[in-house]
Amino acid sequence: LEISGEPLGRGDVLEVGFNKSNEIVIARRVFDADLRAFDSRFTQNPTDANQVAADRYLYGTVDYFNEAVMTVATVDLAPGAQTAYEHYPVSGLTVYEYNTENGKPEIIKTDSSVIHDEKNNNYPAKIFLYTKNAVVQFAIVYHD
């Protein structure tokens, strides 16, 4: 598959818009799973200034996780920027895992048990979050 002449990879995150006839009117890749990076033409890690934006994408490392809350550390790539820490509730979280263990990348709907943090594990998860008005809509967990 391609969007705007560029190949899509398994695990990429797309933003798709539909009209009233349920036809696709816009489709764009917002996150490249192979590069573990946003498509900078459309989005980048957010700042605290847009915390409650209607549609917001975030990618970072899970710094802390328990059954109630997770803390995600992100790096704002602006010159002189510091790592930002954002906290999100875990209850009711829809989780997908980008799994490459069998030599064939696949996306699996799972639960929060696949989220490992930096404080308690040697291999913290990288995570993509889509939030709407500061509420997580879904998470994709990537393991390196």
C-alpha atoms as a PDB file:
ATOM      1  CA  LEU A   1       0.000   0.000   0.000  1.00  0.00           C
ATOM      2  CA  GLU A   2       1.024   3.587  -0.597  1.00  0.00           C
ATOM      3  CA  ILE A   3      -0.121   7.025   0.451  1.00  0.00           C
ATOM      4  CA  SER A   4       1.000   9.975  -1.667  1.00  0.00           C
ATOM      5  CA  GLY A   5       3.459   7.710  -3.466  1.00  0.00           C
ATOM      6  CA  GLU A   6       5.191   6.554  -0.274  1.00  0.00           C
ATOM      7  CA  PRO A   7       5.046   2.918   0.839  1.00  0.00           C
ATOM      8  CA  LEU A   8       3.313   2.069   4.105  1.00  0.00           C
ATOM      9  CA  GLY A   9       4.765  -0.406   6.537  1.00  0.00           C
ATOM     10  CA  ARG A  10       3.110  -2.695   9.020  1.00  0.00           C
ATOM     11  CA  GLY A  11       2.725  -0.867  12.323  1.00  0.00           C
ATOM     12  CA  ASP A  12       2.483   2.600  10.744  1.00  0.00           C
ATOM     13  CA  VAL A  13      -0.278   4.782  12.173  1.00  0.00           C
ATOM     14  CA  LEU A  14      -2.627   6.431   9.697  1.00  0.00           C
ATOM     15  CA  GLU A  15      -5.113   9.232  10.084  1.00  0.00           C
ATOM     16  CA  VAL A  16      -8.112   8.654   7.835  1.00  0.00           C
ATOM     17  CA  GLY A  17     -11.057  10.988   7.275  1.00  0.00           C
ATOM     18  CA  PHE A  18     -14.409  10.001   5.767  1.00  0.00           C
ATOM     19  CA  ASN A  19     -17.273  11.980   4.246  1.00  0.00           C
ATOM     20  CA  LYS A  20     -20.997  11.383   4.887  1.00  0.00           C
ATOM     21  CA  SER A  21     -21.026   8.679   2.200  1.00  0.00           C
ATOM     22  CA  ASN A  22     -18.314   6.821   4.124  1.00  0.00           C
ATOM     23  CA  GLU A  23     -15.748   7.485   1.387  1.00  0.00           C
ATOM     24  CA  ILE A  24     -12.153   8.265   2.303  1.00  0.00           C
ATOM     25  CA  VAL A  25     -11.442  11.956   1.728  1.00  0.00           C
ATOM     26  CA  ILE A  26      -8.056  12.148   3.447  1.00  0.00           C
ATOM     27  CA  ALA A  27      -5.455   9.586   4.451  1.00  0.00           C
ATOM     28  CA  ARG A  28      -2.015  10.313   5.790  1.00  0.00           C
ATOM     29  CA  ARG A  29       0.657   8.517   7.765  1.00  0.00           C
ATOM     30  CA  VAL A  30       1.315  10.249  11.064  1.00  0.00           C
ATOM     31  CA  PHE A  31       3.778   7.710  12.501  1.00  0.00           C
ATOM     32  CA  ASP A  32       6.339   5.466  10.793  1.00  0.00           C
ATOM     33  CA  ALA A  33       6.803   2.261  12.791  1.00  0.00           C
ATOM     34  CA  ASP A  34      10.071   1.265  11.114  1.00  0.00           C
ATOM     35  CA  LEU A  35      11.701   4.622  11.857  1.00  0.00           C
ATOM     36  CA  ARG A  36       9.861   5.038  15.190  1.00  0.00           C
ATOM     37  CA  ALA A  37       9.206   8.607  14.147  1.00  0.00           C
ATOM     38  CA  PHE A  38       6.395  10.976  13.261  1.00  0.00           C
ATOM     39  CA  ASP A  39       5.945  12.089   9.686  1.00  0.00           C
ATOM     40  CA  SER A  40       7.223  15.587  10.389  1.00  0.00           C
ATOM     41  CA  ARG A  41       5.119  17.081   7.590  1.00  0.00           C
ATOM     42  CA  PHE A  42       2.027  16.512   9.710  1.00  0.00           C
ATOM     43  CA  THR A  43       2.847  16.150  13.370  1.00  0.00           C
ATOM     44  CA  GLN A  44       5.506  15.934  16.056  1.00  0.00           C
ATOM     45  CA  ASN A  45       5.574  15.237  19.761  1.00  0.00           C
ATOM     46  CA  PRO A  46       3.256  17.709  21.451  1.00  0.00           C
ATOM     47  CA  THR A  47       4.063  20.316  24.027  1.00  0.00           C
ATOM     48  CA  ASP A  48       2.258  21.045  27.281  1.00  0.00           C
ATOM     49  CA  ALA A  49       0.683  24.035  25.513  1.00  0.00           C
ATOM     50  CA  ASN A  50      -1.566  21.696  23.530  1.00  0.00           C
ATOM     51  CA  GLN A  51      -2.249  19.095  26.236  1.00  0.00           C
ATOM     52  CA  VAL A  52      -6.024  19.212  25.748  1.00  0.00           C
ATOM     53  CA  ALA A  53      -6.039  19.534  21.947  1.00  0.00           C
ATOM     54  CA  ALA A  54      -8.865  17.737  20.162  1.00  0.00           C
ATOM     55  CA  ASP A  55      -6.515  15.348  18.337  1.00  0.00           C
ATOM     56  CA  ARG A  56      -3.032  14.770  19.679  1.00  0.00           C
ATOM     57  CA  TYR A  57      -0.323  12.197  18.973  1.00  0.00           C
ATOM     58  CA  LEU A  58       2.459  11.312  21.358  1.00  0.00           C
ATOM     59  CA  TYR A  59       5.440   8.953  21.177  1.00  0.00           C
ATOM     60  CA  GLY A  60       7.816   8.208  24.005  1.00  0.00           C
ATOM     61  CA  THR A  61       9.222   5.774  26.537  1.00  0.00           C
ATOM     62  CA  VAL A  62       7.121   4.412  29.375  1.00  0.00           C
ATOM     63  CA  ASP A  63       8.929   5.808  32.400  1.00  0.00           C
ATOM     64  CA  TYR A  64       6.572   4.444  35.069  1.00  0.00           C
ATOM     65  CA  PHE A  65       3.598   2.075  34.951  1.00  0.00           C
ATOM     66  CA  ASN A  66       1.248   0.500  37.466  1.00  0.00           C
ATOM     67  CA  GLU A  67      -2.354  -0.692  37.369  1.00  0.00           C
ATOM     68  CA  ALA A  68      -3.663   2.870  37.792  1.00  0.00           C
ATOM     69  CA  VAL A  69      -1.369   5.240  35.893  1.00  0.00           C
ATOM     70  CA  MET A  70       1.482   5.406  33.399  1.00  0.00           C
ATOM     71  CA  THR A  71       4.046   8.129  32.886  1.00  0.00           C
ATOM     72  CA  VAL A  72       5.381   8.643  29.376  1.00  0.00           C
ATOM     73  CA  ALA A  73       8.649  10.486  28.799  1.00  0.00           C
ATOM     74  CA  THR A  74       8.822  12.370  25.508  1.00  0.00           C
ATOM     75  CA  VAL A  75      11.549  14.426  23.966  1.00  0.00           C
ATOM     76  CA  ASP A  76      10.638  17.704  22.336  1.00  0.00           C
ATOM     77  CA  LEU A  77      13.180  18.062  19.550  1.00  0.00           C
ATOM     78  CA  ALA A  78      13.207  21.864  19.644  1.00  0.00           C
ATOM     79  CA  PRO A  79      16.645  23.326  20.459  1.00  0.00           C
ATOM     80  CA  GLY A  80      17.254  23.414  24.209  1.00  0.00           C
ATOM     81  CA  ALA A  81      14.093  21.438  24.977  1.00  0.00           C
ATOM     82  CA  GLN A  82      13.854  19.138  27.983  1.00  0.00           C
ATOM     83  CA  THR A  83      12.242  15.741  28.290  1.00  0.00           C
ATOM     84  CA  ALA A  84       8.555  16.116  29.116  1.00  0.00           C
ATOM     85  CA  TYR A  85       6.666  13.702  31.376  1.00  0.00           C
ATOM     86  CA  GLU A  86       2.951  13.115  30.900  1.00  0.00           C
ATOM     87  CA  HIS A  87       0.697  10.999  33.095  1.00  0.00           C
ATOM     88  CA  TYR A  88      -2.299   9.016  31.873  1.00  0.00           C
ATOM     89  CA  PRO A  89      -4.824   6.705  33.550  1.00  0.00           C
ATOM     90  CA  VAL A  90      -4.585   3.034  32.601  1.00  0.00           C
ATOM     91  CA  SER A  91      -8.156   1.959  33.377  1.00  0.00           C
ATOM     92  CA  GLY A  92     -10.071   1.110  30.210  1.00  0.00           C
ATOM     93  CA  LEU A  93      -7.050   1.692  27.989  1.00  0.00           C
ATOM     94  CA  THR A  94      -7.279   0.094  24.529  1.00  0.00           C
ATOM     95  CA  VAL A  95      -3.851  -1.390  23.791  1.00  0.00           C
ATOM     96  CA  TYR A  96      -2.317  -2.768  20.618  1.00  0.00           C
ATOM     97  CA  GLU A  97       1.132  -4.322  20.404  1.00  0.00           C
ATOM     98  CA  TYR A  98       3.452  -4.093  17.422  1.00  0.00           C
ATOM     99  CA  ASN A  99       4.980  -7.556  17.583  1.00  0.00           C
ATOM    100  CA  THR A 100       7.959  -8.707  15.492  1.00  0.00           C
ATOM    101  CA  GLU A 101       8.908 -11.832  17.458  1.00  0.00           C
ATOM    102  CA  ASN A 102       7.870 -14.338  14.780  1.00  0.00           C
ATOM    103  CA  GLY A 103       9.907 -12.604  12.075  1.00  0.00           C
ATOM    104  CA  LYS A 104       6.717 -11.160  10.611  1.00  0.00           C
ATOM    105  CA  PRO A 105       5.536  -7.838  12.024  1.00  0.00           C
ATOM    106  CA  GLU A 106       1.929  -7.829  13.207  1.00  0.00           C
ATOM    107  CA  ILE A 107      -0.422  -5.667  15.235  1.00  0.00           C
ATOM    108  CA  ILE A 108      -2.174  -7.525  18.053  1.00  0.00           C
ATOM    109  CA  LYS A 109      -4.988  -6.189  20.230  1.00  0.00           C
ATOM    110  CA  THR A 110      -3.917  -6.974  23.768  1.00  0.00           C
ATOM    111  CA  ASP A 111      -4.040  -5.451  27.241  1.00  0.00           C
ATOM    112  CA  SER A 112      -1.832  -3.288  29.416  1.00  0.00           C
ATOM    113  CA  SER A 113       0.262  -6.273  30.587  1.00  0.00           C
ATOM    114  CA  VAL A 114       2.581  -5.672  27.580  1.00  0.00           C
ATOM    115  CA  ILE A 115       3.510  -2.199  28.865  1.00  0.00           C
ATOM    116  CA  HIS A 116       6.873  -2.342  30.657  1.00  0.00           C
ATOM    117  CA  ASP A 117       8.348   0.712  32.324  1.00  0.00           C
ATOM    118  CA  GLU A 118      11.863   1.998  32.758  1.00  0.00           C
ATOM    119  CA  LYS A 119      11.693   2.104  36.569  1.00  0.00           C
ATOM    120  CA  ASN A 120      10.948  -1.630  36.950  1.00  0.00           C
ATOM    121  CA  ASN A 121      12.295  -3.278  33.776  1.00  0.00           C
ATOM    122  CA  ASN A 122      15.479  -3.377  31.746  1.00  0.00           C
ATOM    123  CA  TYR A 123      13.524  -2.976  28.517  1.00  0.00           C
ATOM    124  CA  PRO A 124      10.954  -0.193  28.769  1.00  0.00           C
ATOM    125  CA  ALA A 125       8.258  -0.036  26.128  1.00  0.00           C
ATOM    126  CA  LYS A 126       8.119   2.634  23.486  1.00  0.00           C
ATOM    127  CA  ILE A 127       4.542   3.793  23.153  1.00  0.00           C
ATOM    128  CA  PHE A 128       2.412   5.728  20.694  1.00  0.00           C
ATOM    129  CA  LEU A 129      -0.675   7.403  22.159  1.00  0.00           C
ATOM    130  CA  TYR A 130      -3.590   9.040  20.445  1.00  0.00           C
ATOM    131  CA  THR A 131      -5.440  11.412  22.762  1.00  0.00           C
ATOM    132  CA  LYS A 132      -8.583  13.423  22.239  1.00  0.00           C
ATOM    133  CA  ASN A 133      -9.186  16.288  24.657  1.00  0.00           C
ATOM    134  CA  ALA A 134      -6.509  14.820  26.990  1.00  0.00           C
ATOM    135  CA  VAL A 135      -8.172  11.368  27.101  1.00  0.00           C
ATOM    136  CA  VAL A 136      -6.225   8.429  25.639  1.00  0.00           C
ATOM    137  CA  GLN A 137      -8.198   6.811  22.821  1.00  0.00           C
ATOM    138  CA  PHE A 138      -5.696   4.008  22.168  1.00  0.00           C
ATOM    139  CA  ALA A 139      -2.061   3.030  22.684  1.00  0.00           C
ATOM    140  CA  ILE A 140       0.334   1.085  20.477  1.00  0.00           C
ATOM    141  CA  VAL A 141       3.246  -0.556  22.279  1.00  0.00           C
ATOM    142  CA  TYR A 142       6.508  -1.063  20.364  1.00  0.00           C
ATOM    143  CA  HIS A 143       9.303  -3.254  21.731  1.00  0.00           C
ATOM    144  CA  ASP A 144      12.833  -2.768  20.362  1.00  0.00           C
END
